[in-house]
N, C-alpha and C. Protein backbone atom coordinates (compact mmCIF):
# COMPACT_ATOMS: atom_id res chain seq x y z
N MET A 1 -36.85 -118.44 185.66
CA MET A 1 -36.94 -118.25 184.12
C MET A 1 -38.09 -116.83 183.67
N ARG A 2 -38.03 -116.92 182.40
CA ARG A 2 -39.42 -116.01 182.26
C ARG A 2 -39.89 -116.61 181.70
N PHE A 3 -41.40 -116.91 181.32
CA PHE A 3 -42.72 -117.11 180.34
C PHE A 3 -43.28 -115.85 180.38
N TYR A 4 -44.08 -116.41 179.54
CA TYR A 4 -45.61 -115.29 178.64
C TYR A 4 -46.58 -116.37 179.02
N ILE A 5 -47.42 -115.09 179.65
CA ILE A 5 -49.01 -115.81 179.96
C ILE A 5 -50.01 -115.07 178.69
N SER A 6 -51.01 -116.08 177.57
CA SER A 6 -52.02 -115.39 177.28
C SER A 6 -52.73 -115.61 177.62
N PHE A 7 -54.34 -114.86 177.18
CA PHE A 7 -55.25 -114.84 177.56
C PHE A 7 -56.47 -115.65 176.95
N GLY A 8 -57.49 -116.07 176.55
CA GLY A 8 -57.97 -116.18 175.85
C GLY A 8 -59.43 -115.30 175.46
N GLN A 9 -60.42 -115.42 174.29
CA GLN A 9 -61.04 -114.74 174.16
C GLN A 9 -62.17 -113.52 174.93
N ALA A 10 -62.41 -114.29 176.01
CA ALA A 10 -63.54 -113.86 177.06
C ALA A 10 -62.34 -113.48 178.58
N HIS A 11 -61.01 -113.44 178.74
CA HIS A 11 -60.62 -113.46 179.79
C HIS A 11 -59.23 -111.83 179.55
N THR A 12 -60.29 -110.79 180.54
CA THR A 12 -59.26 -109.90 180.41
C THR A 12 -59.11 -109.27 181.89
N HIS A 13 -58.08 -109.61 182.37
CA HIS A 13 -57.54 -108.85 183.49
C HIS A 13 -56.83 -107.46 184.04
N SER A 14 -56.92 -106.99 184.70
CA SER A 14 -56.32 -105.68 185.23
C SER A 14 -55.02 -106.52 186.18
N ILE A 15 -54.02 -105.93 186.09
CA ILE A 15 -52.45 -106.02 187.02
C ILE A 15 -52.06 -105.42 187.12
N ASP A 16 -51.46 -104.74 187.75
CA ASP A 16 -50.20 -103.44 187.67
C ASP A 16 -51.19 -102.49 187.38
N GLY A 17 -52.22 -101.87 186.89
CA GLY A 17 -53.07 -101.43 186.35
C GLY A 17 -52.81 -101.00 184.85
N GLN A 18 -52.56 -101.43 184.11
CA GLN A 18 -52.52 -102.17 183.41
C GLN A 18 -53.66 -103.45 182.42
N THR A 19 -54.24 -102.93 181.32
CA THR A 19 -55.22 -104.19 180.92
C THR A 19 -54.46 -105.31 180.10
N TYR A 20 -54.83 -106.36 180.85
CA TYR A 20 -53.86 -108.07 179.67
C TYR A 20 -55.10 -107.96 179.42
N ASP A 21 -54.97 -109.01 177.63
CA ASP A 21 -56.11 -109.69 177.28
C ASP A 21 -55.58 -110.49 176.09
N LYS A 22 -56.68 -110.74 174.76
CA LYS A 22 -55.95 -111.57 173.93
C LYS A 22 -55.29 -111.39 173.20
N ASP A 23 -54.76 -110.09 173.23
CA ASP A 23 -53.91 -109.31 172.12
C ASP A 23 -52.53 -109.26 172.46
N CYS A 24 -52.63 -109.75 174.08
CA CYS A 24 -51.06 -109.25 174.00
C CYS A 24 -50.25 -109.82 174.92
N LEU A 25 -49.60 -109.90 175.86
CA LEU A 25 -48.44 -111.27 176.86
C LEU A 25 -48.39 -110.49 178.40
N LEU A 26 -48.89 -111.24 179.22
CA LEU A 26 -48.40 -110.99 180.47
C LEU A 26 -46.30 -112.12 180.32
N ALA A 27 -45.50 -110.87 180.92
CA ALA A 27 -44.51 -111.39 181.51
C ALA A 27 -44.09 -111.72 182.76
N ILE A 28 -43.73 -112.86 183.09
CA ILE A 28 -43.85 -112.91 184.57
C ILE A 28 -42.44 -113.87 184.64
N GLU A 29 -41.84 -114.02 185.70
CA GLU A 29 -40.84 -114.63 186.53
C GLU A 29 -41.02 -116.24 187.68
N ALA A 30 -40.96 -116.66 186.77
CA ALA A 30 -40.77 -118.36 188.14
C ALA A 30 -39.42 -119.54 187.63
N LYS A 31 -39.62 -120.31 189.09
CA LYS A 31 -38.15 -120.73 188.93
C LYS A 31 -38.00 -121.99 188.23
N ASP A 32 -39.15 -122.42 187.66
CA ASP A 32 -39.78 -123.00 186.24
C ASP A 32 -41.20 -123.52 186.03
N GLU A 33 -41.14 -124.02 185.25
CA GLU A 33 -42.90 -124.07 183.89
C GLU A 33 -43.58 -124.65 185.45
N LEU A 34 -43.49 -125.01 185.67
CA LEU A 34 -44.79 -126.09 187.16
C LEU A 34 -45.19 -124.68 188.05
N GLN A 35 -43.74 -124.07 188.13
CA GLN A 35 -43.99 -122.81 188.90
C GLN A 35 -45.08 -121.70 188.86
N ALA A 36 -44.55 -121.75 187.59
CA ALA A 36 -44.65 -120.57 186.47
C ALA A 36 -46.71 -121.00 186.35
N ARG A 37 -47.09 -122.53 186.43
CA ARG A 37 -48.43 -122.43 185.62
C ARG A 37 -48.95 -122.41 186.82
N LEU A 38 -48.32 -122.96 188.18
CA LEU A 38 -49.54 -122.92 189.53
C LEU A 38 -49.76 -121.67 189.77
N GLY A 39 -48.24 -120.37 189.78
CA GLY A 39 -48.83 -119.46 190.32
C GLY A 39 -49.84 -118.37 189.64
N VAL A 40 -49.49 -118.44 188.10
CA VAL A 40 -50.78 -118.05 187.46
C VAL A 40 -51.74 -118.48 187.13
N ASN A 41 -51.76 -119.73 187.65
CA ASN A 41 -53.48 -119.66 187.23
C ASN A 41 -54.07 -119.67 189.20
N LYS A 42 -53.26 -119.62 190.30
CA LYS A 42 -54.02 -118.95 191.50
C LYS A 42 -54.47 -117.83 191.15
N MET A 43 -53.53 -116.77 190.95
CA MET A 43 -52.99 -115.62 190.05
C MET A 43 -54.72 -114.74 190.08
N LEU A 44 -54.68 -116.03 188.65
CA LEU A 44 -55.60 -115.27 187.58
C LEU A 44 -57.34 -116.48 187.62
N ASN A 45 -57.11 -117.57 189.04
CA ASN A 45 -58.06 -117.62 189.25
C ASN A 45 -58.25 -118.84 187.76
N GLY A 46 -57.07 -119.47 187.18
CA GLY A 46 -57.53 -120.35 186.12
C GLY A 46 -58.04 -119.64 184.95
N LYS A 47 -58.40 -118.16 185.17
CA LYS A 47 -58.51 -117.77 183.46
C LYS A 47 -57.19 -117.17 182.82
N TRP A 48 -57.02 -118.00 182.49
CA TRP A 48 -55.91 -117.71 181.53
C TRP A 48 -55.55 -118.62 179.89
N CYS A 49 -54.83 -119.13 179.46
CA CYS A 49 -54.71 -119.23 178.49
C CYS A 49 -53.84 -119.96 177.68
N GLY A 50 -52.82 -120.08 177.66
CA GLY A 50 -51.05 -120.43 177.09
C GLY A 50 -50.12 -119.90 178.15
N ILE A 51 -49.00 -120.38 177.80
CA ILE A 51 -47.92 -120.60 178.78
C ILE A 51 -46.38 -120.65 177.42
N TYR A 52 -45.95 -119.61 177.31
CA TYR A 52 -44.86 -119.50 176.11
C TYR A 52 -43.56 -119.20 176.84
N ASN A 53 -42.38 -120.14 176.51
CA ASN A 53 -40.75 -119.77 176.99
C ASN A 53 -40.21 -118.36 175.87
N GLU A 54 -39.13 -118.26 176.53
CA GLU A 54 -38.36 -117.46 175.01
C GLU A 54 -38.30 -117.61 173.53
N MET A 55 -38.40 -118.86 173.42
CA MET A 55 -38.09 -119.30 171.56
C MET A 55 -39.39 -119.31 171.61
N ASP A 56 -40.61 -119.89 172.44
CA ASP A 56 -42.28 -119.50 171.82
C ASP A 56 -42.27 -118.36 171.16
N LEU A 57 -42.20 -117.44 172.00
CA LEU A 57 -42.26 -116.24 171.74
C LEU A 57 -41.57 -115.25 170.63
N GLU A 58 -40.09 -116.10 169.86
CA GLU A 58 -39.58 -115.95 168.89
C GLU A 58 -40.53 -116.45 167.53
N ARG A 59 -41.62 -117.52 167.65
CA ARG A 59 -41.78 -118.19 166.97
C ARG A 59 -43.11 -117.62 166.62
N HIS A 60 -43.73 -117.69 168.39
CA HIS A 60 -45.53 -117.22 168.11
C HIS A 60 -45.79 -115.59 168.95
N GLY A 61 -44.93 -114.20 169.09
CA GLY A 61 -45.10 -113.87 169.34
C GLY A 61 -46.28 -112.42 167.70
N HIS A 62 -45.73 -112.87 166.53
CA HIS A 62 -46.69 -112.27 165.83
C HIS A 62 -48.20 -112.29 166.32
N TYR A 63 -48.50 -113.09 166.77
CA TYR A 63 -49.82 -113.48 167.43
C TYR A 63 -50.61 -112.69 168.25
N PHE A 64 -49.52 -111.92 169.00
CA PHE A 64 -49.89 -110.90 170.06
C PHE A 64 -49.51 -108.98 169.35
N PRO A 65 -50.46 -108.95 168.96
CA PRO A 65 -50.14 -107.69 168.56
C PRO A 65 -50.20 -106.40 169.17
N HIS A 66 -50.08 -106.67 170.37
CA HIS A 66 -50.31 -105.65 171.60
C HIS A 66 -48.78 -106.31 172.40
N GLY A 67 -48.14 -106.78 171.72
CA GLY A 67 -46.88 -107.22 172.57
C GLY A 67 -46.78 -107.76 173.56
N VAL A 68 -45.41 -107.66 174.09
CA VAL A 68 -45.91 -107.62 176.09
C VAL A 68 -45.99 -107.05 177.04
N ARG A 69 -46.85 -106.55 177.58
CA ARG A 69 -46.52 -105.20 178.51
C ARG A 69 -46.15 -105.08 179.38
N ASN A 70 -45.29 -106.07 179.89
CA ASN A 70 -44.79 -105.77 180.87
C ASN A 70 -43.25 -106.49 180.74
N MET A 71 -43.11 -106.51 179.83
CA MET A 71 -41.61 -106.41 179.62
C MET A 71 -40.62 -106.38 180.43
N ASP A 72 -40.04 -105.03 180.89
CA ASP A 72 -39.39 -104.61 181.67
C ASP A 72 -39.78 -104.69 183.54
N ARG A 73 -40.75 -104.92 183.33
CA ARG A 73 -41.30 -105.48 184.89
C ARG A 73 -42.37 -106.54 185.03
N PRO A 74 -40.97 -107.92 184.82
CA PRO A 74 -42.00 -108.93 185.20
C PRO A 74 -42.64 -109.18 186.53
N VAL A 75 -43.87 -109.84 186.49
CA VAL A 75 -44.88 -110.40 187.89
C VAL A 75 -43.91 -111.52 188.23
N GLN A 76 -43.44 -111.35 189.29
CA GLN A 76 -42.37 -112.60 190.15
C GLN A 76 -43.52 -113.85 190.64
N ILE A 77 -43.36 -114.85 190.71
CA ILE A 77 -44.37 -115.77 190.93
C ILE A 77 -43.18 -116.49 191.63
N PHE A 78 -43.52 -116.93 193.37
CA PHE A 78 -43.01 -116.68 194.06
C PHE A 78 -43.69 -118.72 194.44
N THR A 79 -42.51 -119.14 195.04
CA THR A 79 -43.38 -120.49 195.52
C THR A 79 -44.19 -120.27 197.25
N ASP A 80 -44.49 -121.43 197.44
CA ASP A 80 -46.24 -121.72 198.32
C ASP A 80 -45.95 -120.51 199.20
N ASP A 81 -45.11 -120.91 199.79
CA ASP A 81 -44.46 -119.89 201.22
C ASP A 81 -44.88 -118.47 201.31
N GLN A 82 -44.55 -118.20 200.06
CA GLN A 82 -44.24 -116.56 200.18
C GLN A 82 -46.05 -116.18 199.06
N GLN A 83 -45.69 -114.68 198.82
CA GLN A 83 -47.59 -114.15 198.68
C GLN A 83 -47.10 -113.65 197.25
N LEU A 84 -48.26 -114.12 197.12
CA LEU A 84 -48.55 -114.22 195.39
C LEU A 84 -48.69 -112.44 195.14
N PRO A 85 -48.02 -111.85 194.44
CA PRO A 85 -48.51 -109.74 193.85
C PRO A 85 -49.96 -108.97 194.58
N PRO A 86 -50.51 -109.12 194.83
CA PRO A 86 -51.62 -108.56 194.29
C PRO A 86 -52.77 -108.01 193.30
N ARG A 87 -53.40 -108.67 192.57
CA ARG A 87 -54.23 -108.44 191.62
C ARG A 87 -54.62 -107.48 191.20
């Protein structure tokens, strides 16, 4: 499933050469929302804000003027026995 991660006012991250901040979203793919939350929390050391699904994106996407930075290449969130992508 695809989910979209938002970042707080002071949460700026560099992931795969892209900068993510309060004005954009990070696309991820995970088995379910729980795996998405756990994986993102581990990957970003707890420094993120919200999680959205496809329906949420339609309703709330206008709050993120820079849109989804990696729509064509979502970050894959793996289970505990697999490696998370590098930050």
